[in-house]
C-alpha atoms as a PDB file:
ATOM      1  CA  MET A   1      29.253 245.161  43.522  1.00  0.00           C
ATOM      2  CA  LYS A   2      30.576 247.112  46.707  1.00  0.00           C
ATOM      3  CA  VAL A   3      34.077 246.534  47.682  1.00  0.00           C
ATOM      4  CA  LYS A   4      35.348 247.866  50.385  1.00  0.00           C
ATOM      5  CA  ARG A   5      39.072 246.726  50.318  1.00  0.00           C
ATOM      6  CA  LYS A   6      41.398 245.746  47.625  1.00  0.00           C
ATOM      7  CA  LEU A   7      44.202 242.945  47.923  1.00  0.00           C
ATOM      8  CA  CYS A   8      46.857 242.851  45.351  1.00  0.00           C
ATOM      9  CA  VAL A   9      47.805 239.184  44.492  1.00  0.00           C
ATOM     10  CA  TYR A  10      51.315 238.707  43.594  1.00  0.00           C
ATOM     11  CA  CYS A  11      50.658 234.892  41.249  1.00  0.00           C
ATOM     12  CA  GLY A  12      52.430 232.848  38.491  1.00  0.00           C
ATOM     13  CA  SER A  13      51.491 233.250  34.966  1.00  0.00           C
ATOM     14  CA  SER A  14      52.565 229.322  35.100  1.00  0.00           C
ATOM     15  CA  PRO A  15      49.913 226.695  36.733  1.00  0.00           C
ATOM     16  CA  GLY A  16      52.886 224.630  38.264  1.00  0.00           C
ATOM     17  CA  GLN A  17      53.401 221.741  38.661  1.00  0.00           C
ATOM     18  CA  ASN A  18      51.999 220.861  42.178  1.00  0.00           C
ATOM     19  CA  PRO A  19      47.546 220.753  42.015  1.00  0.00           C
ATOM     20  CA  ALA A  20      47.633 222.078  45.525  1.00  0.00           C
ATOM     21  CA  HIS A  21      49.138 225.784  44.023  1.00  0.00           C
ATOM     22  CA  GLY A  22      45.951 225.971  41.672  1.00  0.00           C
ATOM     23  CA  ARG A  23      43.457 224.666  44.223  1.00  0.00           C
ATOM     24  CA  ALA A  24      44.939 227.465  46.595  1.00  0.00           C
ATOM     25  CA  ALA A  25      44.668 230.246  44.105  1.00  0.00           C
ATOM     26  CA  ARG A  26      40.627 228.936  43.447  1.00  0.00           C
ATOM     27  CA  LEU A  27      40.265 229.014  47.500  1.00  0.00           C
ATOM     28  CA  LEU A  28      41.733 232.508  47.645  1.00  0.00           C
ATOM     29  CA  GLY A  29      39.671 233.820  44.805  1.00  0.00           C
ATOM     30  CA  ARG A  30      36.258 232.187  46.167  1.00  0.00           C
ATOM     31  CA  ALA A  31      36.802 233.527  49.552  1.00  0.00           C
ATOM     32  CA  LEU A  32      37.911 237.155  48.356  1.00  0.00           C
ATOM     33  CA  ALA A  33      34.618 237.880  47.251  1.00  0.00           C
ATOM     34  CA  GLU A  34      32.831 236.635  49.217  1.00  0.00           C
ATOM     35  CA  ALA A  35      34.471 238.934  51.880  1.00  0.00           C
ATOM     36  CA  GLY A  36      33.376 241.857  49.708  1.00  0.00           C
ATOM     37  CA  ILE A  37      36.981 242.242  48.746  1.00  0.00           C
ATOM     38  CA  GLY A  38      38.494 243.351  45.467  1.00  0.00           C
ATOM     39  CA  LEU A  39      41.110 241.516  43.471  1.00  0.00           C
ATOM     40  CA  VAL A  40      44.128 243.776  41.904  1.00  0.00           C
ATOM     41  CA  TYR A  41      46.249 241.677  39.561  1.00  0.00           C
ATOM     42  CA  GLY A  42      48.251 241.191  36.542  1.00  0.00           C
ATOM     43  CA  GLY A  43      46.003 241.805  34.251  1.00  0.00           C
ATOM     44  CA  GLY A  44      46.198 238.275  32.479  1.00  0.00           C
ATOM     45  CA  SER A  45      44.298 235.038  31.974  1.00  0.00           C
ATOM     46  CA  LEU A  46      47.085 231.868  31.850  1.00  0.00           C
ATOM     47  CA  GLY A  47      48.637 230.164  35.204  1.00  0.00           C
ATOM     48  CA  LEU A  48      48.119 231.046  38.840  1.00  0.00           C
ATOM     49  CA  MET A  49      47.270 234.173  37.550  1.00  0.00           C
ATOM     50  CA  GLY A  50      44.178 233.297  35.974  1.00  0.00           C
ATOM     51  CA  GLU A  51      42.873 230.736  38.058  1.00  0.00           C
ATOM     52  CA  VAL A  52      42.159 233.171  40.531  1.00  0.00           C
ATOM     53  CA  ALA A  53      40.418 236.123  38.284  1.00  0.00           C
ATOM     54  CA  ARG A  54      38.281 234.104  37.345  1.00  0.00           C
ATOM     55  CA  THR A  55      36.986 232.540  40.693  1.00  0.00           C
ATOM     56  CA  VAL A  56      36.659 236.057  41.705  1.00  0.00           C
ATOM     57  CA  LEU A  57      33.770 237.019  38.400  1.00  0.00           C
ATOM     58  CA  GLU A  58      32.539 233.928  38.804  1.00  0.00           C
ATOM     59  CA  ALA A  59      31.939 233.696  42.591  1.00  0.00           C
ATOM     60  CA  GLY A  60      31.064 237.736  41.796  1.00  0.00           C
ATOM     61  CA  GLY A  61      33.633 239.156  43.085  1.00  0.00           C
ATOM     62  CA  HIS A  62      35.433 242.637  41.914  1.00  0.00           C
ATOM     63  CA  VAL A  63      38.521 241.908  39.989  1.00  0.00           C
ATOM     64  CA  THR A  64      40.955 244.966  38.825  1.00  0.00           C
ATOM     65  CA  GLY A  65      43.491 243.738  35.828  1.00  0.00           C
ATOM     66  CA  VAL A  66      46.421 245.647  35.328  1.00  0.00           C
ATOM     67  CA  ILE A  67      48.355 244.675  32.534  1.00  0.00           C
ATOM     68  CA  PRO A  68      51.257 246.258  30.549  1.00  0.00           C
ATOM     69  CA  GLU A  69      50.563 247.077  26.850  1.00  0.00           C
ATOM     70  CA  PHE A  70      53.387 244.754  25.586  1.00  0.00           C
ATOM     71  CA  LEU A  71      52.302 241.885  27.694  1.00  0.00           C
ATOM     72  CA  ILE A  72      48.415 241.567  26.458  1.00  0.00           C
ATOM     73  CA  ARG A  73      49.300 239.328  23.650  1.00  0.00           C
ATOM     74  CA  GLU A  74      51.763 237.055  25.581  1.00  0.00           C
ATOM     75  CA  GLU A  75      50.313 236.545  28.795  1.00  0.00           C
ATOM     76  CA  ILE A  76      46.964 236.558  26.870  1.00  0.00           C
ATOM     77  CA  MET A  77      44.638 239.484  28.708  1.00  0.00           C
ATOM     78  CA  LEU A  78      41.528 238.431  30.807  1.00  0.00           C
ATOM     79  CA  GLU A  79      38.411 239.409  29.043  1.00  0.00           C
ATOM     80  CA  GLY A  80      35.386 240.398  31.132  1.00  0.00           C
ATOM     81  CA  VAL A  81      37.396 242.267  34.289  1.00  0.00           C
ATOM     82  CA  SER A  82      35.370 244.699  36.044  1.00  0.00           C
ATOM     83  CA  GLU A  83      38.278 247.019  35.195  1.00  0.00           C
ATOM     84  CA  LEU A  84      40.715 247.345  32.709  1.00  0.00           C
ATOM     85  CA  ILE A  85      44.022 249.723  33.352  1.00  0.00           C
ATOM     86  CA  VAL A  86      46.645 249.137  30.993  1.00  0.00           C
ATOM     87  CA  THR A  87      50.082 250.886  31.684  1.00  0.00           C
ATOM     88  CA  SER A  88      52.583 251.453  29.099  1.00  0.00           C
ATOM     89  CA  ASN A  89      55.103 249.789  30.984  1.00  0.00           C
ATOM     90  CA  MET A  90      56.210 247.316  34.084  1.00  0.00           C
ATOM     91  CA  HIS A  91      56.724 250.425  36.713  1.00  0.00           C
ATOM     92  CA  GLU A  92      54.129 252.008  35.773  1.00  0.00           C
ATOM     93  CA  ARG A  93      52.217 248.627  36.112  1.00  0.00           C
ATOM     94  CA  LYS A  94      54.122 247.797  39.774  1.00  0.00           C
ATOM     95  CA  MET A  95      52.927 251.388  40.863  1.00  0.00           C
ATOM     96  CA  SER A  96      49.179 251.477  39.860  1.00  0.00           C
ATOM     97  CA  MET A  97      48.879 247.890  41.464  1.00  0.00           C
ATOM     98  CA  PHE A  98      50.200 249.126  45.323  1.00  0.00           C
ATOM     99  CA  GLU A  99      48.506 252.606  44.789  1.00  0.00           C
ATOM    100  CA  LEU A 100      45.188 250.719  43.759  1.00  0.00           C
ATOM    101  CA  SER A 101      45.356 248.119  46.995  1.00  0.00           C
ATOM    102  CA  ASP A 102      45.239 248.220  50.322  1.00  0.00           C
ATOM    103  CA  GLY A 103      47.480 245.330  50.570  1.00  0.00           C
ATOM    104  CA  PHE A 104      49.321 242.117  49.210  1.00  0.00           C
ATOM    105  CA  CYS A 105      49.688 238.533  48.921  1.00  0.00           C
ATOM    106  CA  ALA A 106      52.162 236.091  47.056  1.00  0.00           C
ATOM    107  CA  LEU A 107      51.148 233.009  45.651  1.00  0.00           C
ATOM    108  CA  PRO A 108      53.602 230.827  44.303  1.00  0.00           C
ATOM    109  CA  GLY A 109      55.102 232.129  41.326  1.00  0.00           C
ATOM    110  CA  GLY A 110      58.506 232.838  39.340  1.00  0.00           C
ATOM    111  CA  ILE A 111      61.015 235.132  39.251  1.00  0.00           C
ATOM    112  CA  GLY A 112      58.483 237.754  38.716  1.00  0.00           C
ATOM    113  CA  THR A 113      56.355 237.056  41.504  1.00  0.00           C
ATOM    114  CA  LEU A 114      59.681 237.016  43.722  1.00  0.00           C
ATOM    115  CA  GLU A 115      60.689 240.552  42.080  1.00  0.00           C
ATOM    116  CA  GLU A 116      57.409 241.948  43.323  1.00  0.00           C
ATOM    117  CA  LEU A 117      57.369 240.708  46.155  1.00  0.00           C
ATOM    118  CA  VAL A 118      60.506 241.801  47.135  1.00  0.00           C
ATOM    119  CA  GLU A 119      60.006 244.983  46.271  1.00  0.00           C
ATOM    120  CA  VAL A 120      56.930 245.939  48.303  1.00  0.00           C
ATOM    121  CA  ALA A 121      58.686 244.152  51.295  1.00  0.00           C
ATOM    122  CA  THR A 122      61.734 245.960  50.585  1.00  0.00           C
ATOM    123  CA  TRP A 123      59.703 249.682  50.334  1.00  0.00           C
ATOM    124  CA  ALA A 124      58.092 248.855  53.876  1.00  0.00           C
ATOM    125  CA  GLN A 125      61.706 247.989  55.090  1.00  0.00           C
ATOM    126  CA  LEU A 126      62.206 251.421  54.254  1.00  0.00           C
ATOM    127  CA  GLY A 127      59.448 252.668  55.985  1.00  0.00           C
ATOM    128  CA  GLN A 128      57.275 254.186  52.590  1.00  0.00           C
ATOM    129  CA  HIS A 129      53.855 251.792  53.782  1.00  0.00           C
ATOM    130  CA  VAL A 130      52.492 250.341  56.594  1.00  0.00           C
ATOM    131  CA  LYS A 131      50.417 247.964  54.171  1.00  0.00           C
ATOM    132  CA  PRO A 132      49.336 244.306  55.126  1.00  0.00           C
ATOM    133  CA  ILE A 133      51.627 242.059  52.950  1.00  0.00           C
ATOM    134  CA  ILE A 134      51.247 238.193  53.266  1.00  0.00           C
ATOM    135  CA  VAL A 135      53.299 235.413  51.984  1.00  0.00           C
ATOM    136  CA  ALA A 136      50.749 232.319  51.359  1.00  0.00           C
ATOM    137  CA  ASN A 137      53.612 229.449  52.045  1.00  0.00           C
ATOM    138  CA  ILE A 138      51.404 227.121  50.030  1.00  0.00           C
ATOM    139  CA  ASP A 139      53.103 222.947  50.264  1.00  0.00           C
ATOM    140  CA  GLY A 140      56.178 224.917  51.566  1.00  0.00           C
ATOM    141  CA  TYR A 141      56.519 226.946  48.143  1.00  0.00           C
ATOM    142  CA  TRP A 142      58.380 230.184  49.957  1.00  0.00           C
ATOM    143  CA  ASP A 143      61.010 227.706  51.956  1.00  0.00           C
ATOM    144  CA  PRO A 144      64.054 228.650  50.422  1.00  0.00           C
ATOM    145  CA  LEU A 145      63.099 232.299  50.562  1.00  0.00           C
ATOM    146  CA  MET A 146      63.494 231.744  54.288  1.00  0.00           C
ATOM    147  CA  GLU A 147      66.359 230.037  55.030  1.00  0.00           C
ATOM    148  CA  LEU A 148      67.471 232.478  52.034  1.00  0.00           C
ATOM    149  CA  ILE A 149      66.466 235.468  54.044  1.00  0.00           C
ATOM    150  CA  GLY A 150      67.689 233.898  57.270  1.00  0.00           C
ATOM    151  CA  HIS A 151      70.696 233.496  55.443  1.00  0.00           C
ATOM    152  CA  MET A 152      71.043 236.890  54.603  1.00  0.00           C
ATOM    153  CA  ARG A 153      71.275 238.200  58.026  1.00  0.00           C
ATOM    154  CA  GLU A 154      73.628 235.602  59.407  1.00  0.00           C
ATOM    155  CA  GLU A 155      75.855 237.050  57.241  1.00  0.00           C
ATOM    156  CA  GLY A 156      75.662 240.661  57.909  1.00  0.00           C
ATOM    157  CA  PHE A 157      73.379 242.233  55.841  1.00  0.00           C
ATOM    158  CA  PHE A 158      70.423 243.468  57.697  1.00  0.00           C
ATOM    159  CA  ARG A 159      71.467 245.560  60.343  1.00  0.00           C
ATOM    160  CA  SER A 160      69.852 245.044  63.963  1.00  0.00           C
ATOM    161  CA  SER A 161      67.336 247.487  63.670  1.00  0.00           C
ATOM    162  CA  THR A 162      66.182 246.725  59.994  1.00  0.00           C
ATOM    163  CA  GLU A 163      63.105 243.940  59.958  1.00  0.00           C
ATOM    164  CA  VAL A 164      60.705 242.571  57.395  1.00  0.00           C
ATOM    165  CA  ARG A 165      57.409 242.845  57.139  1.00  0.00           C
ATOM    166  CA  PHE A 166      55.456 240.440  56.314  1.00  0.00           C
ATOM    167  CA  ASP A 167      53.089 237.220  57.340  1.00  0.00           C
ATOM    168  CA  ALA A 168      53.546 233.875  56.090  1.00  0.00           C
ATOM    169  CA  VAL A 169      50.891 231.800  56.054  1.00  0.00           C
ATOM    170  CA  ASP A 170      51.091 227.714  54.764  1.00  0.00           C
ATOM    171  CA  LYS A 171      46.383 227.709  53.905  1.00  0.00           C
ATOM    172  CA  ALA A 172      44.793 229.650  51.404  1.00  0.00           C
ATOM    173  CA  GLU A 173      42.193 229.701  54.198  1.00  0.00           C
ATOM    174  CA  GLN A 174      43.951 232.027  56.405  1.00  0.00           C
ATOM    175  CA  ILE A 175      45.205 234.550  53.783  1.00  0.00           C
ATOM    176  CA  VAL A 176      41.699 236.717  54.129  1.00  0.00           C
ATOM    177  CA  PRO A 177      41.134 236.441  58.149  1.00  0.00           C
ATOM    178  CA  MET A 178      45.017 237.795  58.330  1.00  0.00           C
ATOM    179  CA  PHE A 179      44.257 240.459  55.613  1.00  0.00           C
ATOM    180  CA  GLU A 180      40.870 241.707  57.118  1.00  0.00           C
ATOM    181  CA  LYS A 181      42.845 241.419  60.774  1.00  0.00           C
ATOM    182  CA  ARG A 182      46.604 243.569  59.818  1.00  0.00           C
ATOM    183  CA  LEU A 183      43.584 245.835  58.462  1.00  0.00           C
ATOM    184  CA  LYS A 184      42.462 246.266  61.394  1.00  0.00           C
ATOM    185  CA  LEU A 185      44.779 246.543  64.047  1.00  0.00           C
ATOM    186  CA  LYS A 186      46.080 249.265  61.650  1.00  0.00           C
ATOM    187  CA  ARG A 187      49.799 248.446  61.630  1.00  0.00           C
ATOM    188  CA  GLN A 188      52.025 246.274  60.268  1.00  0.00           C
ATOM    189  CA  PRO A 189      53.967 243.059  61.552  1.00  0.00           C
ATOM    190  CA  LEU A 190      57.147 243.217  61.788  1.00  0.00           C
ATOM    191  CA  TRP A 191      59.358 239.733  62.075  1.00  0.00           C
ATOM    192  CA  THR A 192      63.025 239.694  61.492  1.00  0.00           C
ATOM    193  CA  PRO A 193      64.127 236.917  59.187  1.00  0.00           C
ATOM    194  CA  GLU A 194      65.272 234.945  62.156  1.00  0.00           C
ATOM    195  CA  GLN A 195      61.411 235.233  63.557  1.00  0.00           C
ATOM    196  CA  LEU A 196      59.507 234.183  59.767  1.00  0.00           C
ATOM    197  CA  ALA A 197      62.751 230.663  60.189  1.00  0.00           C
ATOM    198  CA  LYS A 198      60.714 230.289  63.518  1.00  0.00           C
ATOM    199  CA  ARG A 199      57.467 230.311  62.177  1.00  0.00           C
ATOM    200  CA  LEU A 200      57.733 227.524  59.251  1.00  0.00           C
END
């Protein structure tokens, strides 16, 4: 299939305890395939990573998996992806995912998902890119992060000119429309931590 855009999805290699997170991964996978948007993800078959990727493939969509060589066995690399890129380390993996993608979305996940989200948000904050960043706050999963960002601001660790650059949505169905909206506007939403907290 012809892919017009690619969305990088960060998410857990575990399913988590809340079934809503798996449902969100599958809803996003179908929405990506139906919209002709390719998935870029971490290449594994386990957890939410596997759910979103398999759903995209089952719906006839395009999946690019990017996985470092040392994680092929641990995360059980997903067979049958449209394109597979094996990197030598995590840094190369993250840069490949960044370069391949037109935007980013964080579903629920662990510390790795958090690290990837914070990194691309930091790069945007420093003016290194203007690609959309979407936080899928399914069942309030990312509420503690929003609260922490607000706390950092209150404690004086954000300069008045510093802006956190991402959109928070609370339903998987909102992700693709938000991604397409931001691409059409060709600009990145500029939310302060305080504004983000008020949106939740």
